[in-house]
Structure formats: C-alpha cells, structure tokens
Amino acid sequence: MHIPAAFPLSTPGTVTQAEEDPPTPAPVLGTAPGVTSHPGDTVHLLREERMPLASVPDCVARTYAVVHRRHGVYTHIYTVLESRQHVRRVTHLRRVLVGEQLAAARAWVLAGRHLGRLAF
C-alpha cells in the first residue's frame, strides 16, 4: 500500500512542538484516515510527529480529537500510526472526555501524555 499523502502533512494549527504562543484553533477535518466518524462529528488534527518505534523507523503519528455526537457528546483522542513499510494503519484510542472538550484535549496532547505505550 502506497501512502503518498502521509509524508509529510502540513496543516495550519497542527502542533509540531511545544508552543509558547496562545494556541490556534485546531483545524476541523471532515474525516481522518484510521478514525471512524459519523455525520455531526467533528475531527480536529492536534499533532503530527515522526516517531521512530523499535521495528518501524519511519513511523508518523497523528493525534486527533474527535467530538462524537451520536450517543451523547464525547471527545475522543486518537493517535494513528502510519509507516511506508507497513500496509496498515494502527489506531490507538488514548483518552475519552465527557462533553466537547477540545481545549482539555489539546492541553493533554501538548503535555505529551498521548505518547505512552504506542506500538505498531
């Protein structure tokens, strides 16, 4: 499987390193590869970073906040791993917040808490 659009992705508002300036709003996407969303849900790309893992040196991790509205309002934080060496994406559900909490999701990701125990 060839993933040409995955390397690199540059989206305004995407965090690539710790910031000192006030955060810009995360861009709203219609969909995200590896993340399931339904009509009425909003998908926000919070962070993209290269993340070499033990057996995957060219891994790219994208972290999204998805506000799901299908069965109540919940904000889910997902990290999606992609690599040119693998024919699949791996999606990790990192956290679930009750309600629409984009600011809390962004703060949690900026603190680096979304990176623990990721595997391809």
Protein backbone atom coordinates (compact mmCIF):
# COMPACT_ATOMS: atom_id res chain seq x y z
CA MET A 1 0.00 0.00 0.00
CA HIS A 2 1.42 3.36 -1.01
CA ILE A 3 0.59 6.33 1.25
CA PRO A 4 1.93 9.38 -0.59
CA ALA A 5 -0.18 11.94 1.27
CA ALA A 6 1.07 10.75 4.65
CA PHE A 7 4.60 12.10 4.32
CA PRO A 8 4.63 14.97 5.24
CA LEU A 9 1.33 16.56 6.19
CA SER A 10 1.29 20.26 6.98
CA THR A 11 -1.98 21.62 8.28
CA PRO A 12 -2.40 25.09 9.84
CA GLY A 13 -2.93 24.86 13.59
CA THR A 14 -1.19 21.47 13.87
CA VAL A 15 1.22 21.30 16.79
CA THR A 16 4.67 20.00 15.89
CA GLN A 17 6.47 21.12 19.05
CA ALA A 18 5.75 22.79 22.38
CA GLU A 19 4.42 26.29 21.88
CA GLU A 20 4.79 29.47 23.90
CA ASP A 21 2.20 31.44 21.91
CA PRO A 22 -1.52 31.18 22.54
CA PRO A 23 -2.90 28.08 20.81
CA THR A 24 -4.53 28.47 17.45
CA PRO A 25 -7.75 26.55 16.95
CA ALA A 26 -7.27 23.04 15.64
CA PRO A 27 -8.45 22.69 12.04
CA VAL A 28 -11.75 20.91 11.56
CA LEU A 29 -11.47 18.00 9.16
CA GLY A 30 -14.29 16.07 7.51
CA THR A 31 -12.62 12.72 8.13
CA ALA A 32 -9.27 11.33 9.17
CA PRO A 33 -7.54 8.17 7.94
CA GLY A 34 -7.89 5.44 10.54
CA VAL A 35 -10.55 7.25 12.60
CA THR A 36 -14.26 6.48 12.37
CA SER A 37 -16.61 9.43 12.47
CA HIS A 38 -20.28 9.94 11.70
CA PRO A 39 -22.31 12.86 10.36
CA GLY A 40 -22.34 15.60 13.00
CA ASP A 41 -18.97 14.58 14.46
CA THR A 42 -16.01 16.93 14.17
CA VAL A 43 -12.43 15.78 13.64
CA HIS A 44 -9.52 18.02 14.73
CA LEU A 45 -5.88 17.29 13.94
CA LEU A 46 -3.95 18.22 17.10
CA ARG A 47 -0.44 16.98 16.45
CA GLU A 48 1.70 15.29 13.81
CA GLU A 49 5.16 13.97 14.53
CA ARG A 50 7.71 11.49 13.30
CA MET A 51 8.01 8.79 15.91
CA PRO A 52 10.60 6.07 15.30
CA LEU A 53 9.50 2.89 17.02
CA ALA A 54 11.65 -0.19 17.63
CA SER A 55 10.77 -2.00 14.40
CA VAL A 56 9.37 0.97 12.45
CA PRO A 57 11.97 3.71 11.91
CA ASP A 58 9.79 5.82 9.56
CA CYS A 59 6.62 5.90 11.69
CA VAL A 60 4.44 9.02 11.61
CA ALA A 61 2.00 9.61 14.47
CA ARG A 62 -1.02 11.86 14.03
CA THR A 63 -3.14 12.70 17.05
CA TYR A 64 -6.75 13.72 16.55
CA ALA A 65 -9.53 14.92 18.81
CA VAL A 66 -12.91 13.72 17.60
CA VAL A 67 -16.08 15.15 19.10
CA HIS A 68 -18.64 12.37 18.73
CA ARG A 69 -22.29 13.34 18.96
CA ARG A 70 -24.05 10.11 18.03
CA HIS A 71 -24.78 8.72 21.54
CA GLY A 72 -24.24 11.83 23.64
CA VAL A 73 -21.31 14.23 23.34
CA TYR A 74 -17.84 12.81 23.94
CA THR A 75 -14.35 13.94 22.93
CA HIS A 76 -12.07 11.04 21.99
CA ILE A 77 -8.34 11.44 21.49
CA TYR A 78 -6.86 9.05 18.91
CA THR A 79 -3.27 8.55 17.78
CA VAL A 80 -2.95 6.99 14.32
CA LEU A 81 0.40 5.41 13.36
CA GLU A 82 1.43 5.06 9.71
CA SER A 83 4.57 3.80 8.00
CA ARG A 84 5.72 3.26 4.45
CA GLN A 85 6.96 -0.19 5.50
CA HIS A 86 3.55 -1.44 6.67
CA VAL A 87 0.33 -1.91 4.71
CA ARG A 88 -1.92 -0.93 7.59
CA ARG A 89 -2.59 1.92 9.98
CA VAL A 90 -2.74 1.39 13.71
CA THR A 91 -5.22 3.49 15.67
CA HIS A 92 -4.89 3.91 19.44
CA LEU A 93 -7.73 5.39 21.49
CA ARG A 94 -5.75 7.44 24.02
CA ARG A 95 -8.42 9.15 26.12
CA VAL A 96 -12.17 9.77 26.39
CA LEU A 97 -13.55 13.03 27.78
CA VAL A 98 -17.21 13.68 28.53
CA GLY A 99 -18.62 16.61 26.54
CA GLU A 100 -16.97 18.81 23.93
CA GLN A 101 -13.55 19.43 25.49
CA LEU A 102 -11.18 20.45 22.71
CA ALA A 103 -9.13 22.76 24.96
CA ALA A 104 -8.59 19.99 27.53
CA ALA A 105 -7.71 17.52 24.75
CA ARG A 106 -5.18 19.95 23.26
CA ALA A 107 -3.60 20.62 26.68
CA TRP A 108 -3.30 16.89 27.34
CA VAL A 109 -1.60 16.34 23.97
CA LEU A 110 0.73 19.34 24.42
CA ALA A 111 1.83 17.85 27.75
CA GLY A 112 2.96 14.75 25.82
CA ARG A 113 0.67 12.33 27.62
CA HIS A 114 -0.60 10.83 24.35
CA LEU A 115 2.73 9.13 23.58
CA GLY A 116 2.92 6.38 26.21
CA ARG A 117 2.89 2.73 25.11
CA LEU A 118 2.37 3.15 21.38
CA ALA A 119 3.09 0.11 19.24
CA PHE A 120 2.68 -0.73 15.58
